[in-house]
Amino acid sequence: MFVEHLPPQPIPLCVVCLAIVTASTDLVARRIPNRIVLGGLIVALLAQVCLLGALRGGVVWIEGALAGFALLLPFYLVRGMAAGDVKLMMTIGAWVGPAFALHIVLVALLIGGVWSIAVIVKHGKLRDLMLLLLRGCARWLPGVAGISAASHAQPASLGTLPYGVAIASATIGVLFASA
């Protein structure tokens, strides 16, 4: 599953530092500051150009950023994730390229999904989750038993997670697994 070759140094070191800083700010402040994301994007471009040359470095940077952005954008659009999380993954993608970005997103979704279910169970909201899932199924499957027209209203949130922590964990895990 993992990409064969780790990006050249100092990329892994810089990405791990970025992941730790953003996970920390997301845990403490429940946000990922734009100045960290923007700084990360600028330094990633400089690093890619220095390591790979202007053309190849620029291509890896833009492809990785677009991959990171595009892979998490749908989750933002359905309100399953905050914009800072999408921008963080865009920045990490700019550092590691599109292939690593894909692997990191897949692992982050797995971590985030397991973590979400654990939090839901811990807070006794499993019944609410099942109702939310039934409501979602009723939109695409007409006639699902037990779902009234009134229950199609916007459901209440089951809570939020500092998803930057899941992205950071996945980033560090994928980089170490590829080393």
N, C-alpha and C. Protein backbone atom coordinates (compact mmCIF):
# COMPACT_ATOMS: atom_id res chain seq x y z
N MET A 1 0.81 -1.19 0.00
CA MET A 1 0.00 0.00 0.00
C MET A 1 0.86 1.25 0.00
N PHE A 2 2.01 1.22 0.60
CA PHE A 2 2.77 2.44 0.76
C PHE A 2 3.65 2.71 -0.44
N VAL A 3 3.92 3.98 -0.65
CA VAL A 3 4.79 4.42 -1.73
C VAL A 3 6.18 3.90 -1.44
N GLU A 4 6.91 3.55 -2.49
CA GLU A 4 8.20 2.89 -2.32
C GLU A 4 9.28 3.78 -1.73
N HIS A 5 9.44 4.98 -2.23
CA HIS A 5 10.58 5.79 -1.85
C HIS A 5 10.15 7.00 -1.03
N LEU A 6 10.81 7.18 0.08
CA LEU A 6 10.59 8.33 0.94
C LEU A 6 11.12 9.57 0.21
N PRO A 7 10.42 10.70 0.30
CA PRO A 7 10.98 11.92 -0.32
C PRO A 7 12.34 12.24 0.28
N PRO A 8 13.17 12.98 -0.46
CA PRO A 8 14.52 13.31 0.04
C PRO A 8 14.45 14.21 1.27
N GLN A 9 15.47 14.10 2.11
CA GLN A 9 15.57 15.00 3.27
C GLN A 9 15.81 16.41 2.74
N PRO A 10 15.33 17.41 3.36
CA PRO A 10 14.70 17.51 4.68
C PRO A 10 13.18 17.40 4.65
N ILE A 11 12.60 16.94 3.54
CA ILE A 11 11.14 16.92 3.43
C ILE A 11 10.48 16.12 4.55
N PRO A 12 10.88 14.87 4.82
CA PRO A 12 10.21 14.15 5.91
C PRO A 12 10.31 14.86 7.26
N LEU A 13 11.46 15.41 7.57
CA LEU A 13 11.64 16.13 8.83
C LEU A 13 10.72 17.35 8.90
N CYS A 14 10.67 18.11 7.82
CA CYS A 14 9.81 19.31 7.79
C CYS A 14 8.34 18.94 7.90
N VAL A 15 7.93 17.88 7.23
CA VAL A 15 6.52 17.47 7.27
C VAL A 15 6.15 16.97 8.66
N VAL A 16 7.03 16.24 9.30
CA VAL A 16 6.75 15.78 10.67
C VAL A 16 6.62 16.97 11.61
N CYS A 17 7.50 17.96 11.46
CA CYS A 17 7.40 19.18 12.30
C CYS A 17 6.08 19.91 12.03
N LEU A 18 5.72 20.05 10.76
CA LEU A 18 4.45 20.69 10.40
C LEU A 18 3.27 19.93 11.00
N ALA A 19 3.32 18.62 10.92
CA ALA A 19 2.23 17.79 11.46
C ALA A 19 2.10 17.95 12.97
N ILE A 20 3.21 17.96 13.66
CA ILE A 20 3.18 18.10 15.12
C ILE A 20 2.66 19.48 15.53
N VAL A 21 3.12 20.52 14.86
CA VAL A 21 2.68 21.88 15.19
C VAL A 21 1.18 22.03 14.92
N THR A 22 0.72 21.57 13.78
CA THR A 22 -0.70 21.74 13.46
C THR A 22 -1.59 20.87 14.33
N ALA A 23 -1.15 19.67 14.66
CA ALA A 23 -1.93 18.82 15.56
C ALA A 23 -2.03 19.48 16.94
N SER A 24 -0.94 20.07 17.38
CA SER A 24 -0.94 20.75 18.68
C SER A 24 -1.90 21.94 18.69
N THR A 25 -1.85 22.76 17.65
CA THR A 25 -2.75 23.92 17.61
C THR A 25 -4.20 23.49 17.46
N ASP A 26 -4.43 22.42 16.72
CA ASP A 26 -5.80 21.94 16.56
C ASP A 26 -6.34 21.38 17.87
N LEU A 27 -5.49 20.70 18.62
CA LEU A 27 -5.91 20.18 19.93
C LEU A 27 -6.21 21.31 20.92
N VAL A 28 -5.35 22.31 20.96
CA VAL A 28 -5.47 23.37 21.95
C VAL A 28 -6.52 24.41 21.54
N ALA A 29 -6.44 24.90 20.31
CA ALA A 29 -7.30 26.01 19.88
C ALA A 29 -8.46 25.56 18.99
N ARG A 30 -8.46 24.29 18.59
CA ARG A 30 -9.48 23.74 17.69
C ARG A 30 -9.51 24.48 16.35
N ARG A 31 -8.33 24.86 15.90
CA ARG A 31 -8.19 25.47 14.59
C ARG A 31 -6.76 25.27 14.09
N ILE A 32 -6.61 25.39 12.78
CA ILE A 32 -5.30 25.32 12.15
C ILE A 32 -5.07 26.68 11.51
N PRO A 33 -4.16 27.49 12.07
CA PRO A 33 -3.98 28.86 11.59
C PRO A 33 -3.53 28.93 10.13
N ASN A 34 -4.09 29.89 9.41
CA ASN A 34 -3.73 30.10 8.00
C ASN A 34 -2.26 30.47 7.84
N ARG A 35 -1.68 31.15 8.81
CA ARG A 35 -0.27 31.54 8.69
C ARG A 35 0.64 30.31 8.69
N ILE A 36 0.26 29.27 9.40
CA ILE A 36 1.06 28.04 9.39
C ILE A 36 0.90 27.34 8.05
N VAL A 37 -0.33 27.29 7.55
CA VAL A 37 -0.59 26.65 6.26
C VAL A 37 0.13 27.40 5.14
N LEU A 38 -0.02 28.72 5.11
CA LEU A 38 0.62 29.52 4.07
C LEU A 38 2.14 29.42 4.16
N GLY A 39 2.69 29.52 5.36
CA GLY A 39 4.13 29.36 5.53
C GLY A 39 4.60 27.98 5.06
N GLY A 40 3.83 26.96 5.39
CA GLY A 40 4.17 25.61 4.96
C GLY A 40 4.16 25.47 3.45
N LEU A 41 3.20 26.10 2.80
CA LEU A 41 3.13 26.04 1.33
C LEU A 41 4.32 26.74 0.69
N ILE A 42 4.68 27.89 1.22
CA ILE A 42 5.80 28.65 0.65
C ILE A 42 7.12 27.89 0.83
N VAL A 43 7.35 27.40 2.04
CA VAL A 43 8.60 26.67 2.30
C VAL A 43 8.63 25.36 1.51
N ALA A 44 7.47 24.71 1.34
CA ALA A 44 7.42 23.48 0.54
C ALA A 44 7.81 23.76 -0.91
N LEU A 45 7.32 24.87 -1.46
CA LEU A 45 7.69 25.22 -2.84
C LEU A 45 9.19 25.46 -2.94
N LEU A 46 9.74 26.21 -2.00
CA LEU A 46 11.18 26.46 -2.02
C LEU A 46 11.97 25.16 -1.90
N ALA A 47 11.54 24.28 -1.01
CA ALA A 47 12.25 23.00 -0.83
C ALA A 47 12.16 22.14 -2.09
N GLN A 48 10.97 22.05 -2.67
CA GLN A 48 10.81 21.23 -3.88
C GLN A 48 11.67 21.77 -5.03
N VAL A 49 11.69 23.10 -5.19
CA VAL A 49 12.48 23.70 -6.26
C VAL A 49 13.98 23.48 -6.01
N CYS A 50 14.41 23.64 -4.77
CA CYS A 50 15.84 23.42 -4.45
C CYS A 50 16.25 21.97 -4.64
N LEU A 51 15.38 21.05 -4.27
CA LEU A 51 15.74 19.62 -4.34
C LEU A 51 15.57 19.03 -5.73
N LEU A 52 14.53 19.46 -6.46
CA LEU A 52 14.19 18.82 -7.73
C LEU A 52 14.36 19.71 -8.95
N GLY A 53 14.71 20.96 -8.75
CA GLY A 53 14.79 21.90 -9.86
C GLY A 53 13.47 22.64 -10.03
N ALA A 54 13.52 23.73 -10.77
CA ALA A 54 12.34 24.61 -10.88
C ALA A 54 11.14 23.90 -11.50
N LEU A 55 11.33 23.24 -12.62
CA LEU A 55 10.20 22.63 -13.31
C LEU A 55 9.66 21.42 -12.55
N ARG A 56 10.50 20.46 -12.28
CA ARG A 56 10.05 19.24 -11.59
C ARG A 56 9.57 19.55 -10.16
N GLY A 57 10.29 20.41 -9.46
CA GLY A 57 9.87 20.78 -8.11
C GLY A 57 8.53 21.49 -8.10
N GLY A 58 8.33 22.40 -9.05
CA GLY A 58 7.05 23.09 -9.16
C GLY A 58 5.91 22.15 -9.48
N VAL A 59 6.18 21.19 -10.35
CA VAL A 59 5.15 20.22 -10.73
C VAL A 59 4.78 19.34 -9.53
N VAL A 60 5.76 18.82 -8.82
CA VAL A 60 5.48 17.98 -7.65
C VAL A 60 4.71 18.78 -6.60
N TRP A 61 5.11 20.03 -6.40
CA TRP A 61 4.45 20.90 -5.42
C TRP A 61 2.98 21.10 -5.78
N ILE A 62 2.70 21.48 -7.01
CA ILE A 62 1.31 21.77 -7.39
C ILE A 62 0.47 20.50 -7.45
N GLU A 63 1.05 19.41 -7.97
CA GLU A 63 0.30 18.15 -8.03
C GLU A 63 -0.04 17.66 -6.61
N GLY A 64 0.93 17.73 -5.71
CA GLY A 64 0.69 17.30 -4.34
C GLY A 64 -0.33 18.17 -3.63
N ALA A 65 -0.22 19.49 -3.82
CA ALA A 65 -1.18 20.41 -3.20
C ALA A 65 -2.58 20.17 -3.73
N LEU A 66 -2.71 20.01 -5.03
CA LEU A 66 -4.04 19.76 -5.62
C LEU A 66 -4.61 18.43 -5.16
N ALA A 67 -3.77 17.42 -5.07
CA ALA A 67 -4.24 16.10 -4.61
C ALA A 67 -4.72 16.19 -3.17
N GLY A 68 -3.93 16.78 -2.30
CA GLY A 68 -4.33 16.92 -0.90
C GLY A 68 -5.63 17.70 -0.76
N PHE A 69 -5.76 18.76 -1.52
CA PHE A 69 -6.97 19.59 -1.48
C PHE A 69 -8.18 18.82 -2.02
N ALA A 70 -8.02 18.23 -3.19
CA ALA A 70 -9.15 17.54 -3.84
C ALA A 70 -9.63 16.32 -3.07
N LEU A 71 -8.73 15.62 -2.41
CA LEU A 71 -9.11 14.41 -1.69
C LEU A 71 -9.98 14.70 -0.46
N LEU A 72 -9.78 15.85 0.19
CA LEU A 72 -10.57 16.17 1.38
C LEU A 72 -11.68 17.18 1.13
N LEU A 73 -11.68 17.85 -0.02
CA LEU A 73 -12.71 18.83 -0.32
C LEU A 73 -14.13 18.28 -0.20
N PRO A 74 -14.42 17.08 -0.70
CA PRO A 74 -15.80 16.57 -0.57
C PRO A 74 -16.27 16.46 0.89
N PHE A 75 -15.37 16.15 1.79
CA PHE A 75 -15.74 16.04 3.20
C PHE A 75 -16.05 17.42 3.78
N TYR A 76 -15.34 18.43 3.32
CA TYR A 76 -15.64 19.80 3.74
C TYR A 76 -17.00 20.23 3.20
N LEU A 77 -17.28 19.90 1.96
CA LEU A 77 -18.53 20.32 1.32
C LEU A 77 -19.77 19.73 1.98
N VAL A 78 -19.64 18.54 2.58
CA VAL A 78 -20.79 17.94 3.29
C VAL A 78 -20.70 18.20 4.79
N ARG A 79 -19.85 19.16 5.18
CA ARG A 79 -19.70 19.59 6.57
C ARG A 79 -19.17 18.50 7.48
N GLY A 80 -18.39 17.59 6.93
CA GLY A 80 -17.79 16.54 7.73
C GLY A 80 -16.39 16.88 8.19
N MET A 81 -15.91 18.06 7.79
CA MET A 81 -14.53 18.45 8.08
C MET A 81 -14.44 19.96 7.94
N ALA A 82 -13.52 20.56 8.68
CA ALA A 82 -13.34 22.01 8.61
C ALA A 82 -12.37 22.39 7.49
N ALA A 83 -12.42 23.65 7.09
CA ALA A 83 -11.56 24.14 6.01
C ALA A 83 -10.09 24.04 6.37
N GLY A 84 -9.74 24.24 7.63
CA GLY A 84 -8.35 24.14 8.05
C GLY A 84 -7.77 22.76 7.81
N ASP A 85 -8.59 21.74 7.97
CA ASP A 85 -8.13 20.37 7.73
C ASP A 85 -7.81 20.16 6.25
N VAL A 86 -8.65 20.70 5.39
CA VAL A 86 -8.43 20.59 3.94
C VAL A 86 -7.16 21.35 3.55
N LYS A 87 -6.99 22.55 4.10
CA LYS A 87 -5.80 23.34 3.79
C LYS A 87 -4.53 22.68 4.34
N LEU A 88 -4.64 22.05 5.51
CA LEU A 88 -3.49 21.32 6.05
C LEU A 88 -3.09 20.19 5.11
N MET A 89 -4.07 19.43 4.64
CA MET A 89 -3.75 18.31 3.75
C MET A 89 -3.20 18.82 2.42
N MET A 90 -3.67 19.97 1.97
CA MET A 90 -3.12 20.58 0.76
C MET A 90 -1.64 20.90 0.98
N THR A 91 -1.30 21.44 2.14
CA THR A 91 0.08 21.79 2.45
C THR A 91 0.95 20.55 2.56
N ILE A 92 0.46 19.54 3.23
CA ILE A 92 1.22 18.29 3.34
C ILE A 92 1.42 17.68 1.96
N GLY A 93 0.39 17.71 1.13
CA GLY A 93 0.52 17.21 -0.24
C GLY A 93 1.58 17.96 -1.02
N ALA A 94 1.67 19.28 -0.81
CA ALA A 94 2.69 20.07 -1.50
C ALA A 94 4.09 19.62 -1.10
N TRP A 95 4.24 19.18 0.12
CA TRP A 95 5.54 18.68 0.60
C TRP A 95 5.86 17.31 0.05
N VAL A 96 4.89 16.39 0.08
CA VAL A 96 5.20 14.98 -0.19
C VAL A 96 4.80 14.49 -1.57
N GLY A 97 4.03 15.26 -2.32
CA GLY A 97 3.60 14.85 -3.65
C GLY A 97 2.28 14.10 -3.61
N PRO A 98 1.70 13.86 -4.79
CA PRO A 98 0.36 13.29 -4.86
C PRO A 98 0.23 11.84 -4.37
N ALA A 99 1.21 11.02 -4.64
CA ALA A 99 1.10 9.61 -4.22
C ALA A 99 1.08 9.49 -2.70
N PHE A 100 2.01 10.17 -2.05
CA PHE A 100 2.02 10.16 -0.58
C PHE A 100 0.76 10.82 -0.03
N ALA A 101 0.30 11.89 -0.68
CA ALA A 101 -0.92 12.58 -0.22
C ALA A 101 -2.10 11.61 -0.22
N LEU A 102 -2.22 10.81 -1.25
CA LEU A 102 -3.31 9.82 -1.31
C LEU A 102 -3.21 8.83 -0.16
N HIS A 103 -2.03 8.30 0.07
CA HIS A 103 -1.86 7.33 1.16
C HIS A 103 -2.14 7.96 2.52
N ILE A 104 -1.69 9.19 2.71
CA ILE A 104 -1.93 9.87 3.98
C ILE A 104 -3.42 10.09 4.19
N VAL A 105 -4.13 10.51 3.15
CA VAL A 105 -5.58 10.73 3.28
C VAL A 105 -6.29 9.42 3.62
N LEU A 106 -5.94 8.34 2.97
CA LEU A 106 -6.60 7.06 3.25
C LEU A 106 -6.39 6.64 4.71
N VAL A 107 -5.16 6.79 5.19
CA VAL A 107 -4.87 6.43 6.58
C VAL A 107 -5.56 7.40 7.54
N ALA A 108 -5.58 8.69 7.21
CA ALA A 108 -6.25 9.69 8.06
C ALA A 108 -7.74 9.41 8.15
N LEU A 109 -8.36 9.02 7.05
CA LEU A 109 -9.79 8.70 7.08
C LEU A 109 -10.06 7.48 7.96
N LEU A 110 -9.18 6.52 7.90
CA LEU A 110 -9.31 5.34 8.76
C LEU A 110 -9.16 5.73 10.23
N ILE A 111 -8.12 6.48 10.54
CA ILE A 111 -7.90 6.92 11.93
C ILE A 111 -9.08 7.76 12.41
N GLY A 112 -9.47 8.73 11.60
CA GLY A 112 -10.58 9.61 11.97
C GLY A 112 -11.89 8.87 12.13
N GLY A 113 -12.14 7.89 11.27
CA GLY A 113 -13.37 7.11 11.38
C GLY A 113 -13.43 6.28 12.65
N VAL A 114 -12.36 5.59 12.95
CA VAL A 114 -12.31 4.79 14.18
C VAL A 114 -12.42 5.69 15.41
N TRP A 115 -11.71 6.81 15.39
CA TRP A 115 -11.75 7.76 16.49
C TRP A 115 -13.16 8.33 16.67
N SER A 116 -13.82 8.66 15.57
CA SER A 116 -15.19 9.20 15.64
C SER A 116 -16.16 8.20 16.26
N ILE A 117 -16.07 6.97 15.83
CA ILE A 117 -16.97 5.94 16.38
C ILE A 117 -16.69 5.74 17.86
N ALA A 118 -15.42 5.75 18.25
CA ALA A 118 -15.07 5.59 19.67
C ALA A 118 -15.66 6.74 20.50
N VAL A 119 -15.57 7.96 20.00
CA VAL A 119 -16.12 9.11 20.72
C VAL A 119 -17.64 9.03 20.80
N ILE A 120 -18.27 8.62 19.71
CA ILE A 120 -19.73 8.48 19.69
C ILE A 120 -20.18 7.44 20.70
N VAL A 121 -19.51 6.31 20.74
CA VAL A 121 -19.85 5.25 21.70
C VAL A 121 -19.61 5.74 23.13
N LYS A 122 -18.47 6.40 23.35
CA LYS A 122 -18.13 6.89 24.68
C LYS A 122 -19.19 7.87 25.21
N HIS A 123 -19.73 8.71 24.34
CA HIS A 123 -20.71 9.71 24.75
C HIS A 123 -22.15 9.20 24.64
N GLY A 124 -22.33 7.91 24.37
CA GLY A 124 -23.66 7.32 24.33
C GLY A 124 -24.53 7.82 23.20
N LYS A 125 -23.94 8.13 22.07
CA LYS A 125 -24.69 8.68 20.93
C LYS A 125 -24.80 7.69 19.78
N LEU A 126 -24.63 6.41 20.06
CA LEU A 126 -24.69 5.41 19.01
C LEU A 126 -26.08 5.37 18.37
N ARG A 127 -27.11 5.52 19.18
CA ARG A 127 -28.49 5.55 18.65
C ARG A 127 -28.67 6.73 17.70
N ASP A 128 -28.13 7.90 18.08
CA ASP A 128 -28.20 9.08 17.22
C ASP A 128 -27.47 8.85 15.90
N LEU A 129 -26.33 8.14 15.96
CA LEU A 129 -25.59 7.82 14.74
C LEU A 129 -26.42 6.93 13.83
N MET A 130 -27.06 5.93 14.40
CA MET A 130 -27.89 5.02 13.58
C MET A 130 -29.04 5.78 12.92
N LEU A 131 -29.67 6.68 13.66
CA LEU A 131 -30.76 7.48 13.10
C LEU A 131 -30.24 8.37 11.99
N LEU A 132 -29.09 8.97 12.19
CA LEU A 132 -28.47 9.81 11.17
C LEU A 132 -28.19 9.01 9.91
N LEU A 133 -27.67 7.80 10.07
CA LEU A 133 -27.39 6.94 8.92
C LEU A 133 -28.68 6.53 8.20
N LEU A 134 -29.72 6.22 8.96
CA LEU A 134 -31.01 5.88 8.35
C LEU A 134 -31.57 7.06 7.56
N ARG A 135 -31.45 8.26 8.11
CA ARG A 135 -31.93 9.45 7.40
C ARG A 135 -31.16 9.63 6.10
N GLY A 136 -29.86 9.41 6.15
CA GLY A 136 -29.05 9.53 4.95
C GLY A 136 -29.44 8.51 3.90
N CYS A 137 -29.72 7.28 4.33
CA CYS A 137 -30.14 6.23 3.40
C CYS A 137 -31.51 6.54 2.79
N ALA A 138 -32.38 7.17 3.58
CA ALA A 138 -33.73 7.48 3.10
C ALA A 138 -33.69 8.47 1.95
N ARG A 139 -32.68 9.30 1.88
CA ARG A 139 -32.57 10.27 0.78
C ARG A 139 -32.36 9.57 -0.55
N TRP A 140 -31.60 8.49 -0.52
CA TRP A 140 -31.28 7.79 -1.77
C TRP A 140 -32.12 6.54 -1.99
N LEU A 141 -32.73 6.03 -0.95
CA LEU A 141 -33.53 4.81 -1.06
C LEU A 141 -34.97 5.11 -0.63
N PRO A 142 -35.81 5.52 -1.56
CA PRO A 142 -37.20 5.84 -1.18
C PRO A 142 -37.88 4.62 -0.58
N GLY A 143 -38.68 4.88 0.43
CA GLY A 143 -39.44 3.80 1.04
C GLY A 143 -38.71 3.05 2.14
N VAL A 144 -37.58 3.58 2.62
CA VAL A 144 -36.89 2.93 3.73
C VAL A 144 -37.83 2.95 4.92
N ALA A 145 -38.06 1.81 5.49
CA ALA A 145 -39.03 1.68 6.57
C ALA A 145 -38.62 2.48 7.80
N GLY A 146 -39.61 3.10 8.43
CA GLY A 146 -39.39 3.77 9.71
C GLY A 146 -38.88 5.19 9.61
N ILE A 147 -38.77 5.72 8.39
CA ILE A 147 -38.30 7.09 8.24
C ILE A 147 -39.45 7.94 7.74
N SER A 148 -39.90 8.87 8.57
CA SER A 148 -41.00 9.75 8.20
C SER A 148 -40.47 10.95 7.44
N ALA A 149 -41.37 11.66 6.78
CA ALA A 149 -40.98 12.85 6.03
C ALA A 149 -40.42 13.92 6.97
N ALA A 150 -40.93 13.99 8.19
CA ALA A 150 -40.46 14.98 9.15
C ALA A 150 -39.03 14.71 9.60
N SER A 151 -38.60 13.48 9.51
CA SER A 151 -37.26 13.15 9.99
C SER A 151 -36.17 13.50 8.98
N HIS A 152 -36.56 14.08 7.83
CA HIS A 152 -35.57 14.45 6.82
C HIS A 152 -34.97 15.82 7.10
N ALA A 153 -35.34 16.45 8.20
CA ALA A 153 -34.76 17.73 8.58
C ALA A 153 -33.28 17.55 8.88
N GLN A 154 -32.55 18.65 8.87
CA GLN A 154 -31.11 18.61 9.14
C GLN A 154 -30.87 18.01 10.52
N PRO A 155 -30.15 16.88 10.61
CA PRO A 155 -29.91 16.25 11.91
C PRO A 155 -28.91 17.04 12.75
N ALA A 156 -28.99 16.84 14.04
CA ALA A 156 -28.05 17.48 14.95
C ALA A 156 -26.67 16.85 14.79
N SER A 157 -25.65 17.63 15.06
CA SER A 157 -24.29 17.15 14.97
C SER A 157 -24.02 16.16 16.09
N LEU A 158 -23.20 15.18 15.81
CA LEU A 158 -22.79 14.22 16.83
C LEU A 158 -21.52 14.67 17.53
N GLY A 159 -21.01 15.83 17.16
CA GLY A 159 -19.80 16.37 17.78
C GLY A 159 -18.72 16.64 16.75
N THR A 160 -17.62 17.16 17.23
CA THR A 160 -16.49 17.46 16.35
C THR A 160 -15.21 16.86 16.93
N LEU A 161 -14.25 16.69 16.06
CA LEU A 161 -12.93 16.20 16.46
C LEU A 161 -11.88 17.15 15.91
N PRO A 162 -10.76 17.28 16.59
CA PRO A 162 -9.64 18.03 16.01
C PRO A 162 -8.98 17.14 14.94
N TYR A 163 -9.55 17.17 13.73
CA TYR A 163 -9.14 16.23 12.68
C TYR A 163 -7.70 16.42 12.23
N GLY A 164 -7.11 17.59 12.55
CA GLY A 164 -5.70 17.78 12.25
C GLY A 164 -4.83 16.75 12.95
N VAL A 165 -5.31 16.24 14.08
CA VAL A 165 -4.58 15.20 14.81
C VAL A 165 -4.57 13.90 13.99
N ALA A 166 -5.71 13.56 13.39
CA ALA A 166 -5.78 12.35 12.55
C ALA A 166 -4.88 12.50 11.32
N ILE A 167 -4.90 13.69 10.72
CA ILE A 167 -4.05 13.94 9.55
C ILE A 167 -2.57 13.87 9.94
N ALA A 168 -2.23 14.46 11.07
CA ALA A 168 -0.83 14.43 11.53
C ALA A 168 -0.39 13.00 11.84
N SER A 169 -1.24 12.25 12.52
CA SER A 169 -0.91 10.85 12.85
C SER A 169 -0.71 10.04 11.58
N ALA A 170 -1.58 10.24 10.62
CA ALA A 170 -1.46 9.51 9.35
C ALA A 170 -0.19 9.91 8.62
N THR A 171 0.12 11.19 8.62
CA THR A 171 1.32 11.67 7.93
C THR A 171 2.57 11.04 8.53
N ILE A 172 2.68 11.10 9.82
CA ILE A 172 3.85 10.53 10.50
C ILE A 172 3.91 9.02 10.29
N GLY A 173 2.76 8.35 10.40
CA GLY A 173 2.72 6.90 10.20
C GLY A 173 3.11 6.47 8.81
N VAL A 174 2.59 7.17 7.79
CA VAL A 174 2.91 6.81 6.40
C VAL A 174 4.38 7.07 6.12
N LEU A 175 4.91 8.19 6.61
CA LEU A 175 6.33 8.48 6.37
C LEU A 175 7.23 7.44 7.04
N PHE A 176 6.89 7.06 8.27
CA PHE A 176 7.71 6.06 8.96
C PHE A 176 7.56 4.68 8.31
N ALA A 177 6.36 4.35 7.87
CA ALA A 177 6.15 3.06 7.21
C ALA A 177 6.89 2.98 5.88
N SER A 178 7.15 4.12 5.28
CA SER A 178 7.83 4.15 3.98
C SER A 178 9.34 4.26 4.12
N ALA A 179 9.81 4.48 5.33
CA ALA A 179 11.26 4.68 5.54
C ALA A 179 12.03 3.39 5.38
